[in-house]
């Protein structure tokens, strides 16, 4: 996160402490608010699996290649990935509500 948000600045231990603490507190809050850890795994799996399988690779291809007709299937794959992610999140959410 530091490299992304502050690429030109040197390493700052206070900023590292703030980022690390916020991530740990967010994860702890999520764990304390949910009774079923399986639901959390479903939501994380629905988002990360779709992003890693369908969204990020074609986005990298689009970014690294020149714009021509070969990028159209990659863009279609990105759209498909977002549709699958949305459906997976809806299904995981509906299972959490009905449980």
PDB file of N, CA and C in Angstrom:
ATOM      1  N   UNK A   1       0.823  -1.187   0.000  1.00  0.00           N
ATOM      2  CA  UNK A   1       0.000   0.000   0.000  1.00  0.00           C
ATOM      3  C   UNK A   1       0.866   1.248   0.000  1.00  0.00           C
ATOM      4  N   UNK A   2       1.959   1.195   0.709  1.00  0.00           N
ATOM      5  CA  UNK A   2       2.843   2.361   0.741  1.00  0.00           C
ATOM      6  C   UNK A   2       3.455   2.623  -0.623  1.00  0.00           C
ATOM      7  N   UNK A   3       3.843   1.545  -1.309  1.00  0.00           N
ATOM      8  CA  UNK A   3       4.416   1.719  -2.641  1.00  0.00           C
ATOM      9  C   UNK A   3       3.399   2.253  -3.630  1.00  0.00           C
ATOM     10  N   UNK A   4       2.139   1.913  -3.451  1.00  0.00           N
ATOM     11  CA  UNK A   4       1.106   2.368  -4.377  1.00  0.00           C
ATOM     12  C   UNK A   4       0.710   3.813  -4.104  1.00  0.00           C
ATOM     13  N   UNK A   5       0.428   4.126  -2.851  1.00  0.00           N
ATOM     14  CA  UNK A   5      -0.066   5.459  -2.520  1.00  0.00           C
ATOM     15  C   UNK A   5       1.052   6.492  -2.356  1.00  0.00           C
ATOM     16  N   UNK A   6       2.227   6.056  -1.956  1.00  0.00           N
ATOM     17  CA  UNK A   6       3.355   6.968  -1.735  1.00  0.00           C
ATOM     18  C   UNK A   6       4.599   6.434  -2.446  1.00  0.00           C
ATOM     19  N   UNK A   7       4.598   6.411  -3.777  1.00  0.00           N
ATOM     20  CA  UNK A   7       5.716   5.762  -4.491  1.00  0.00           C
ATOM     21  C   UNK A   7       7.035   6.523  -4.404  1.00  0.00           C
ATOM     22  N   UNK A   8       6.990   7.823  -4.278  1.00  0.00           N
ATOM     23  CA  UNK A   8       8.218   8.609  -4.313  1.00  0.00           C
ATOM     24  C   UNK A   8       8.769   8.951  -2.936  1.00  0.00           C
ATOM     25  N   UNK A   9       8.060   8.552  -1.895  1.00  0.00           N
ATOM     26  CA  UNK A   9       8.501   8.894  -0.537  1.00  0.00           C
ATOM     27  C   UNK A   9       9.275   7.729   0.076  1.00  0.00           C
ATOM     28  N   UNK A  10      10.192   8.009   0.972  1.00  0.00           N
ATOM     29  CA  UNK A  10      10.943   6.923   1.635  1.00  0.00           C
ATOM     30  C   UNK A  10      10.048   6.173   2.624  1.00  0.00           C
ATOM     31  N   UNK A  11      10.543   5.029   3.051  1.00  0.00           N
ATOM     32  CA  UNK A  11       9.783   4.193   3.979  1.00  0.00           C
ATOM     33  C   UNK A  11       9.598   4.931   5.294  1.00  0.00           C
ATOM     34  N   UNK A  12       8.361   4.938   5.775  1.00  0.00           N
ATOM     35  CA  UNK A  12       8.028   5.633   7.010  1.00  0.00           C
ATOM     36  C   UNK A  12       7.432   4.624   7.987  1.00  0.00           C
ATOM     37  N   UNK A  13       8.066   4.381   9.126  1.00  0.00           N
ATOM     38  CA  UNK A  13       7.545   3.376  10.056  1.00  0.00           C
ATOM     39  C   UNK A  13       6.188   3.764  10.644  1.00  0.00           C
ATOM     40  N   UNK A  14       5.922   5.052  10.819  1.00  0.00           N
ATOM     41  CA  UNK A  14       4.616   5.459  11.355  1.00  0.00           C
ATOM     42  C   UNK A  14       3.494   5.157  10.369  1.00  0.00           C
ATOM     43  N   UNK A  15       3.730   5.417   9.087  1.00  0.00           N
ATOM     44  CA  UNK A  15       2.728   5.105   8.057  1.00  0.00           C
ATOM     45  C   UNK A  15       2.518   3.597   7.982  1.00  0.00           C
ATOM     46  N   UNK A  16       3.604   2.822   8.072  1.00  0.00           N
ATOM     47  CA  UNK A  16       3.491   1.364   8.077  1.00  0.00           C
ATOM     48  C   UNK A  16       2.658   0.889   9.271  1.00  0.00           C
ATOM     49  N   UNK A  17       2.882   1.472  10.416  1.00  0.00           N
ATOM     50  CA  UNK A  17       2.119   1.113  11.616  1.00  0.00           C
ATOM     51  C   UNK A  17       0.639   1.435  11.447  1.00  0.00           C
ATOM     52  N   UNK A  18       0.330   2.574  10.861  1.00  0.00           N
ATOM     53  CA  UNK A  18      -1.074   2.956  10.646  1.00  0.00           C
ATOM     54  C   UNK A  18      -1.742   2.002   9.664  1.00  0.00           C
ATOM     55  N   UNK A  19      -1.080   1.699   8.536  1.00  0.00           N
ATOM     56  CA  UNK A  19      -1.666   0.772   7.564  1.00  0.00           C
ATOM     57  C   UNK A  19      -1.865  -0.613   8.165  1.00  0.00           C
ATOM     58  N   UNK A  20      -0.864  -1.125   8.844  1.00  0.00           N
ATOM     59  CA  UNK A  20      -0.953  -2.462   9.425  1.00  0.00           C
ATOM     60  C   UNK A  20      -2.026  -2.537  10.491  1.00  0.00           C
ATOM     61  N   UNK A  21      -2.079  -1.535  11.349  1.00  0.00           N
ATOM     62  CA  UNK A  21      -3.090  -1.518  12.411  1.00  0.00           C
ATOM     63  C   UNK A  21      -4.491  -1.427  11.830  1.00  0.00           C
ATOM     64  N   UNK A  22      -4.683  -0.616  10.813  1.00  0.00           N
ATOM     65  CA  UNK A  22      -6.017  -0.497  10.225  1.00  0.00           C
ATOM     66  C   UNK A  22      -6.454  -1.803   9.565  1.00  0.00           C
ATOM     67  N   UNK A  23      -5.528  -2.510   8.910  1.00  0.00           N
ATOM     68  CA  UNK A  23      -5.894  -3.794   8.318  1.00  0.00           C
ATOM     69  C   UNK A  23      -6.245  -4.833   9.375  1.00  0.00           C
ATOM     70  N   UNK A  24      -5.465  -4.886  10.441  1.00  0.00           N
ATOM     71  CA  UNK A  24      -5.732  -5.853  11.506  1.00  0.00           C
ATOM     72  C   UNK A  24      -7.045  -5.531  12.212  1.00  0.00           C
ATOM     73  N   UNK A  25      -7.292  -4.255  12.497  1.00  0.00           N
ATOM     74  CA  UNK A  25      -8.534  -3.865  13.179  1.00  0.00           C
ATOM     75  C   UNK A  25      -9.744  -4.139  12.288  1.00  0.00           C
ATOM     76  N   UNK A  26      -9.625  -3.893  10.993  1.00  0.00           N
ATOM     77  CA  UNK A  26     -10.728  -4.188  10.077  1.00  0.00           C
ATOM     78  C   UNK A  26     -11.024  -5.679  10.041  1.00  0.00           C
ATOM     79  N   UNK A  27      -9.996  -6.497   9.955  1.00  0.00           N
ATOM     80  CA  UNK A  27     -10.205  -7.948   9.946  1.00  0.00           C
ATOM     81  C   UNK A  27     -10.781  -8.436  11.264  1.00  0.00           C
ATOM     82  N   UNK A  28     -10.303  -7.882  12.375  1.00  0.00           N
ATOM     83  CA  UNK A  28     -10.827  -8.288  13.676  1.00  0.00           C
ATOM     84  C   UNK A  28     -12.290  -7.873  13.829  1.00  0.00           C
ATOM     85  N   UNK A  29     -12.639  -6.681  13.387  1.00  0.00           N
ATOM     86  CA  UNK A  29     -14.025  -6.226  13.472  1.00  0.00           C
ATOM     87  C   UNK A  29     -14.939  -7.107  12.644  1.00  0.00           C
ATOM     88  N   UNK A  30     -14.507  -7.447  11.447  1.00  0.00           N
ATOM     89  CA  UNK A  30     -15.297  -8.336  10.606  1.00  0.00           C
ATOM     90  C   UNK A  30     -15.473  -9.703  11.263  1.00  0.00           C
ATOM     91  N   UNK A  31     -14.422 -10.217  11.880  1.00  0.00           N
ATOM     92  CA  UNK A  31     -14.509 -11.518  12.546  1.00  0.00           C
ATOM     93  C   UNK A  31     -15.418 -11.463  13.778  1.00  0.00           C
ATOM     94  N   UNK A  32     -15.406 -10.358  14.498  1.00  0.00           N
ATOM     95  CA  UNK A  32     -16.246 -10.247  15.691  1.00  0.00           C
ATOM     96  C   UNK A  32     -17.718 -10.016  15.351  1.00  0.00           C
ATOM     97  N   UNK A  33     -18.003  -9.415  14.218  1.00  0.00           N
ATOM     98  CA  UNK A  33     -19.378  -9.114  13.851  1.00  0.00           C
ATOM     99  C   UNK A  33     -20.104 -10.280  13.202  1.00  0.00           C
ATOM    100  N   UNK A  34     -19.380 -11.266  12.706  1.00  0.00           N
ATOM    101  CA  UNK A  34     -20.022 -12.393  12.044  1.00  0.00           C
ATOM    102  C   UNK A  34     -19.976 -13.632  12.930  1.00  0.00           C
ATOM    103  N   UNK A  35     -21.052 -14.366  12.907  1.00  0.00           N
ATOM    104  CA  UNK A  35     -21.124 -15.611  13.667  1.00  0.00           C
ATOM    105  C   UNK A  35     -20.625 -16.796  12.840  1.00  0.00           C
ATOM    106  N   UNK A  36     -20.763 -16.673  11.520  1.00  0.00           N
ATOM    107  CA  UNK A  36     -20.424 -17.769  10.632  1.00  0.00           C
ATOM    108  C   UNK A  36     -19.213 -17.368   9.785  1.00  0.00           C
ATOM    109  N   UNK A  37     -18.080 -17.985  10.055  1.00  0.00           N
ATOM    110  CA  UNK A  37     -16.878 -17.663   9.314  1.00  0.00           C
ATOM    111  C   UNK A  37     -16.953 -18.153   7.874  1.00  0.00           C
ATOM    112  N   UNK A  38     -17.787 -19.144   7.616  1.00  0.00           N
ATOM    113  CA  UNK A  38     -17.963 -19.640   6.256  1.00  0.00           C
ATOM    114  C   UNK A  38     -18.517 -18.582   5.330  1.00  0.00           C
ATOM    115  N   UNK A  39     -19.393 -17.735   5.854  1.00  0.00           N
ATOM    116  CA  UNK A  39     -19.951 -16.655   5.038  1.00  0.00           C
ATOM    117  C   UNK A  39     -18.872 -15.663   4.631  1.00  0.00           C
ATOM    118  N   UNK A  40     -17.955 -15.384   5.538  1.00  0.00           N
ATOM    119  CA  UNK A  40     -16.850 -14.486   5.219  1.00  0.00           C
ATOM    120  C   UNK A  40     -15.964 -15.117   4.149  1.00  0.00           C
ATOM    121  N   UNK A  41     -15.687 -16.404   4.270  1.00  0.00           N
ATOM    122  CA  UNK A  41     -14.886 -17.096   3.263  1.00  0.00           C
ATOM    123  C   UNK A  41     -15.582 -17.079   1.906  1.00  0.00           C
ATOM    124  N   UNK A  42     -16.909 -17.223   1.895  1.00  0.00           N
ATOM    125  CA  UNK A  42     -17.649 -17.183   0.633  1.00  0.00           C
ATOM    126  C   UNK A  42     -17.530 -15.825  -0.030  1.00  0.00           C
ATOM    127  N   UNK A  43     -17.663 -14.769   0.730  1.00  0.00           N
ATOM    128  CA  UNK A  43     -17.562 -13.425   0.156  1.00  0.00           C
ATOM    129  C   UNK A  43     -16.150 -13.132  -0.341  1.00  0.00           C
ATOM    130  N   UNK A  44     -15.156 -13.524   0.437  1.00  0.00           N
ATOM    131  CA  UNK A  44     -13.776 -13.295   0.017  1.00  0.00           C
ATOM    132  C   UNK A  44     -13.453 -14.146  -1.213  1.00  0.00           C
ATOM    133  N   UNK A  45     -13.930 -15.365  -1.223  1.00  0.00           N
ATOM    134  CA  UNK A  45     -13.711 -16.221  -2.386  1.00  0.00           C
ATOM    135  C   UNK A  45     -14.420 -15.712  -3.625  1.00  0.00           C
ATOM    136  N   UNK A  46     -15.634 -15.194  -3.451  1.00  0.00           N
ATOM    137  CA  UNK A  46     -16.382 -14.680  -4.595  1.00  0.00           C
ATOM    138  C   UNK A  46     -15.680 -13.487  -5.220  1.00  0.00           C
ATOM    139  N   UNK A  47     -15.093 -12.647  -4.407  1.00  0.00           N
ATOM    140  CA  UNK A  47     -14.435 -11.467  -4.956  1.00  0.00           C
ATOM    141  C   UNK A  47     -13.019 -11.772  -5.450  1.00  0.00           C
ATOM    142  N   UNK A  48     -12.235 -12.456  -4.639  1.00  0.00           N
ATOM    143  CA  UNK A  48     -10.832 -12.658  -5.018  1.00  0.00           C
ATOM    144  C   UNK A  48     -10.681 -13.670  -6.152  1.00  0.00           C
ATOM    145  N   UNK A  49     -11.458 -14.730  -6.154  1.00  0.00           N
ATOM    146  CA  UNK A  49     -11.317 -15.728  -7.217  1.00  0.00           C
ATOM    147  C   UNK A  49     -11.697 -15.142  -8.575  1.00  0.00           C
ATOM    148  N   UNK A  50     -12.769 -14.391  -8.615  1.00  0.00           N
ATOM    149  CA  UNK A  50     -13.160 -13.772  -9.889  1.00  0.00           C
ATOM    150  C   UNK A  50     -12.131 -12.747 -10.338  1.00  0.00           C
ATOM    151  N   UNK A  51     -11.620 -11.988  -9.400  1.00  0.00           N
ATOM    152  CA  UNK A  51     -10.621 -10.980  -9.759  1.00  0.00           C
ATOM    153  C   UNK A  51      -9.346 -11.639 -10.274  1.00  0.00           C
ATOM    154  N   UNK A  52      -8.903 -12.702  -9.608  1.00  0.00           N
ATOM    155  CA  UNK A  52      -7.663 -13.357 -10.018  1.00  0.00           C
ATOM    156  C   UNK A  52      -7.810 -14.166 -11.299  1.00  0.00           C
ATOM    157  N   UNK A  53      -8.997 -14.719 -11.543  1.00  0.00           N
ATOM    158  CA  UNK A  53      -9.165 -15.594 -12.696  1.00  0.00           C
ATOM    159  C   UNK A  53      -9.660 -14.856 -13.938  1.00  0.00           C
ATOM    160  N   UNK A  54     -10.600 -13.942 -13.780  1.00  0.00           N
ATOM    161  CA  UNK A  54     -11.260 -13.357 -14.936  1.00  0.00           C
ATOM    162  C   UNK A  54     -10.967 -11.881 -15.166  1.00  0.00           C
ATOM    163  N   UNK A  55     -10.592 -11.138 -14.139  1.00  0.00           N
ATOM    164  CA  UNK A  55     -10.510  -9.683 -14.290  1.00  0.00           C
ATOM    165  C   UNK A  55      -9.066  -9.206 -14.442  1.00  0.00           C
ATOM    166  N   UNK A  56      -8.183  -9.567 -13.529  1.00  0.00           N
ATOM    167  CA  UNK A  56      -6.829  -9.019 -13.544  1.00  0.00           C
ATOM    168  C   UNK A  56      -5.984  -9.446 -14.760  1.00  0.00           C
ATOM    169  N   UNK A  57      -5.974 -10.717 -15.169  1.00  0.00           N
ATOM    170  CA  UNK A  57      -5.146 -11.063 -16.341  1.00  0.00           C
ATOM    171  C   UNK A  57      -5.541 -10.328 -17.623  1.00  0.00           C
ATOM    172  N   UNK A  58      -6.840 -10.254 -17.976  1.00  0.00           N
ATOM    173  CA  UNK A  58      -7.154  -9.487 -19.189  1.00  0.00           C
ATOM    174  C   UNK A  58      -6.897  -7.992 -19.038  1.00  0.00           C
ATOM    175  N   UNK A  59      -7.056  -7.467 -17.825  1.00  0.00           N
ATOM    176  CA  UNK A  59      -6.733  -6.052 -17.629  1.00  0.00           C
ATOM    177  C   UNK A  59      -5.246  -5.796 -17.848  1.00  0.00           C
ATOM    178  N   UNK A  60      -4.407  -6.710 -17.375  1.00  0.00           N
ATOM    179  CA  UNK A  60      -2.971  -6.570 -17.621  1.00  0.00           C
ATOM    180  C   UNK A  60      -2.672  -6.664 -19.112  1.00  0.00           C
ATOM    181  N   UNK A  61      -3.334  -7.568 -19.804  1.00  0.00           N
ATOM    182  CA  UNK A  61      -3.144  -7.689 -21.252  1.00  0.00           C
ATOM    183  C   UNK A  61      -3.560  -6.409 -21.959  1.00  0.00           C
ATOM    184  N   UNK A  62      -4.696  -5.850 -21.572  1.00  0.00           N
ATOM    185  CA  UNK A  62      -5.160  -4.605 -22.185  1.00  0.00           C
ATOM    186  C   UNK A  62      -4.175  -3.476 -21.911  1.00  0.00           C
ATOM    187  N   UNK A  63      -3.665  -3.424 -20.692  1.00  0.00           N
ATOM    188  CA  UNK A  63      -2.730  -2.367 -20.330  1.00  0.00           C
ATOM    189  C   UNK A  63      -1.410  -2.488 -21.088  1.00  0.00           C
ATOM    190  N   UNK A  64      -0.929  -3.709 -21.280  1.00  0.00           N
ATOM    191  CA  UNK A  64       0.381  -3.916 -21.887  1.00  0.00           C
ATOM    192  C   UNK A  64       0.358  -3.971 -23.410  1.00  0.00           C
ATOM    193  N   UNK A  65      -0.792  -4.145 -24.023  1.00  0.00           N
ATOM    194  CA  UNK A  65      -0.839  -4.270 -25.476  1.00  0.00           C
ATOM    195  C   UNK A  65      -1.396  -2.990 -26.098  1.00  0.00           C
ATOM    196  N   UNK A  66      -1.238  -2.915 -27.406  1.00  0.00           N
ATOM    197  CA  UNK A  66      -1.809  -1.779 -28.127  1.00  0.00           C
ATOM    198  C   UNK A  66      -3.293  -2.027 -28.356  1.00  0.00           C
ATOM    199  N   UNK A  67      -4.027  -0.961 -28.464  1.00  0.00           N
ATOM    200  CA  UNK A  67      -5.474  -1.079 -28.653  1.00  0.00           C
ATOM    201  C   UNK A  67      -5.766  -1.495 -30.098  1.00  0.00           C
ATOM    202  N   UNK A  68      -6.302  -2.696 -30.242  1.00  0.00           N
ATOM    203  CA  UNK A  68      -6.740  -3.180 -31.545  1.00  0.00           C
ATOM    204  C   UNK A  68      -7.854  -4.196 -31.322  1.00  0.00           C
ATOM    205  N   UNK A  69      -8.187  -4.951 -32.340  1.00  0.00           N
ATOM    206  CA  UNK A  69      -9.305  -5.883 -32.223  1.00  0.00           C
ATOM    207  C   UNK A  69      -9.012  -7.026 -31.259  1.00  0.00           C
ATOM    208  N   UNK A  70      -7.737  -7.279 -30.944  1.00  0.00           N
ATOM    209  CA  UNK A  70      -7.388  -8.373 -30.031  1.00  0.00           C
ATOM    210  C   UNK A  70      -7.723  -8.049 -28.577  1.00  0.00           C
ATOM    211  N   UNK A  71      -7.916  -6.783 -28.259  1.00  0.00           N
ATOM    212  CA  UNK A  71      -8.269  -6.428 -26.887  1.00  0.00           C
ATOM    213  C   UNK A  71      -9.765  -6.539 -26.621  1.00  0.00           C
ATOM    214  N   UNK A  72     -10.564  -6.721 -27.658  1.00  0.00           N
ATOM    215  CA  UNK A  72     -12.017  -6.852 -27.467  1.00  0.00           C
ATOM    216  C   UNK A  72     -12.371  -8.111 -26.678  1.00  0.00           C
ATOM    217  N   UNK A  73     -11.807  -9.296 -26.990  1.00  0.00           N
ATOM    218  CA  UNK A  73     -12.112 -10.463 -26.153  1.00  0.00           C
ATOM    219  C   UNK A  73     -11.625 -10.295 -24.712  1.00  0.00           C
ATOM    220  N   UNK A  74     -10.518  -9.602 -24.518  1.00  0.00           N
ATOM    221  CA  UNK A  74     -10.037  -9.363 -23.162  1.00  0.00           C
ATOM    222  C   UNK A  74     -11.019  -8.471 -22.397  1.00  0.00           C
ATOM    223  N   UNK A  75     -11.545  -7.456 -23.056  1.00  0.00           N
ATOM    224  CA  UNK A  75     -12.540  -6.596 -22.410  1.00  0.00           C
ATOM    225  C   UNK A  75     -13.821  -7.377 -22.120  1.00  0.00           C
ATOM    226  N   UNK A  76     -14.196  -8.276 -23.028  1.00  0.00           N
ATOM    227  CA  UNK A  76     -15.377  -9.119 -22.784  1.00  0.00           C
ATOM    228  C   UNK A  76     -15.150 -10.037 -21.591  1.00  0.00           C
ATOM    229  N   UNK A  77     -13.931 -10.530 -21.423  1.00  0.00           N
ATOM    230  CA  UNK A  77     -13.605 -11.370 -20.274  1.00  0.00           C
ATOM    231  C   UNK A  77     -13.693 -10.582 -18.973  1.00  0.00           C
ATOM    232  N   UNK A  78     -13.270  -9.325 -19.004  1.00  0.00           N
ATOM    233  CA  UNK A  78     -13.374  -8.473 -17.814  1.00  0.00           C
ATOM    234  C   UNK A  78     -14.839  -8.265 -17.445  1.00  0.00           C
ATOM    235  N   UNK A  79     -15.667  -7.972 -18.438  1.00  0.00           N
ATOM    236  CA  UNK A  79     -17.103  -7.788 -18.178  1.00  0.00           C
ATOM    237  C   UNK A  79     -17.706  -9.072 -17.634  1.00  0.00           C
ATOM    238  N   UNK A  80     -17.348 -10.208 -18.228  1.00  0.00           N
ATOM    239  CA  UNK A  80     -17.833 -11.498 -17.739  1.00  0.00           C
ATOM    240  C   UNK A  80     -17.401 -11.737 -16.288  1.00  0.00           C
ATOM    241  N   UNK A  81     -16.167 -11.380 -15.966  1.00  0.00           N
ATOM    242  CA  UNK A  81     -15.673 -11.542 -14.605  1.00  0.00           C
ATOM    243  C   UNK A  81     -16.462 -10.721 -13.605  1.00  0.00           C
ATOM    244  N   UNK A  82     -16.794  -9.476 -13.958  1.00  0.00           N
ATOM    245  CA  UNK A  82     -17.591  -8.652 -13.056  1.00  0.00           C
ATOM    246  C   UNK A  82     -19.010  -9.206 -12.904  1.00  0.00           C
ATOM    247  N   UNK A  83     -19.563  -9.757 -13.976  1.00  0.00           N
ATOM    248  CA  UNK A  83     -20.904 -10.363 -13.877  1.00  0.00           C
ATOM    249  C   UNK A  83     -20.875 -11.579 -12.954  1.00  0.00           C
ATOM    250  N   UNK A  84     -19.863 -12.438 -13.122  1.00  0.00           N
ATOM    251  CA  UNK A  84     -19.729 -13.621 -12.261  1.00  0.00           C
ATOM    252  C   UNK A  84     -19.506 -13.203 -10.816  1.00  0.00           C
ATOM    253  N   UNK A  85     -18.690 -12.168 -10.586  1.00  0.00           N
ATOM    254  CA  UNK A  85     -18.451 -11.689  -9.229  1.00  0.00           C
ATOM    255  C   UNK A  85     -19.743 -11.170  -8.606  1.00  0.00           C
ATOM    256  N   UNK A  86     -20.509 -10.409  -9.355  1.00  0.00           N
ATOM    257  CA  UNK A  86     -21.772  -9.874  -8.844  1.00  0.00           C
ATOM    258  C   UNK A  86     -22.744 -10.998  -8.491  1.00  0.00           C
ATOM    259  N   UNK A  87     -22.856 -11.987  -9.361  1.00  0.00           N
ATOM    260  CA  UNK A  87     -23.763 -13.117  -9.089  1.00  0.00           C
ATOM    261  C   UNK A  87     -23.282 -13.898  -7.869  1.00  0.00           C
ATOM    262  N   UNK A  88     -21.983 -14.111  -7.740  1.00  0.00           N
ATOM    263  CA  UNK A  88     -21.441 -14.848  -6.594  1.00  0.00           C
ATOM    264  C   UNK A  88     -21.680 -14.102  -5.285  1.00  0.00           C
ATOM    265  N   UNK A  89     -21.520 -12.787  -5.299  1.00  0.00           N
ATOM    266  CA  UNK A  89     -21.761 -11.995  -4.093  1.00  0.00           C
ATOM    267  C   UNK A  89     -23.237 -12.039  -3.714  1.00  0.00           C
ATOM    268  N   UNK A  90     -24.115 -11.957  -4.704  1.00  0.00           N
ATOM    269  CA  UNK A  90     -25.561 -12.038  -4.433  1.00  0.00           C
ATOM    270  C   UNK A  90     -25.921 -13.394  -3.844  1.00  0.00           C
ATOM    271  N   UNK A  91     -25.372 -14.476  -4.394  1.00  0.00           N
ATOM    272  CA  UNK A  91     -25.666 -15.813  -3.875  1.00  0.00           C
ATOM    273  C   UNK A  91     -25.124 -15.990  -2.460  1.00  0.00           C
ATOM    274  N   UNK A  92     -23.912 -15.515  -2.194  1.00  0.00           N
ATOM    275  CA  UNK A  92     -23.351 -15.630  -0.846  1.00  0.00           C
ATOM    276  C   UNK A  92     -24.156 -14.788   0.137  1.00  0.00           C
ATOM    277  N   UNK A  93     -24.571 -13.609  -0.288  1.00  0.00           N
ATOM    278  CA  UNK A  93     -25.385 -12.762   0.590  1.00  0.00           C
ATOM    279  C   UNK A  93     -26.741 -13.352   0.879  1.00  0.00           C
ATOM    280  N   UNK A  94     -27.354 -13.968  -0.122  1.00  0.00           N
ATOM    281  CA  UNK A  94     -28.669 -14.572   0.111  1.00  0.00           C
ATOM    282  C   UNK A  94     -28.561 -15.787   1.012  1.00  0.00           C
ATOM    283  N   UNK A  95     -27.456 -16.525   0.968  1.00  0.00           N
ATOM    284  CA  UNK A  95     -27.270 -17.646   1.878  1.00  0.00           C
ATOM    285  C   UNK A  95     -27.038 -17.162   3.302  1.00  0.00           C
ATOM    286  N   UNK A  96     -26.374 -16.027   3.450  1.00  0.00           N
ATOM    287  CA  UNK A  96     -26.167 -15.480   4.802  1.00  0.00           C
ATOM    288  C   UNK A  96     -27.485 -15.007   5.400  1.00  0.00           C
ATOM    289  N   UNK A  97     -28.347 -14.442   4.569  1.00  0.00           N
ATOM    290  CA  UNK A  97     -29.625 -13.943   5.070  1.00  0.00           C
ATOM    291  C   UNK A  97     -30.542 -15.096   5.451  1.00  0.00           C
ATOM    292  N   UNK A  98     -30.548 -16.159   4.668  1.00  0.00           N
ATOM    293  CA  UNK A  98     -31.448 -17.287   4.930  1.00  0.00           C
ATOM    294  C   UNK A  98     -30.933 -18.224   6.003  1.00  0.00           C
ATOM    295  N   UNK A  99     -29.685 -18.078   6.435  1.00  0.00           N
ATOM    296  CA  UNK A  99     -29.160 -18.971   7.469  1.00  0.00           C
ATOM    297  C   UNK A  99     -29.483 -18.480   8.844  1.00  0.00           C
TER     298      UNK A  99
END
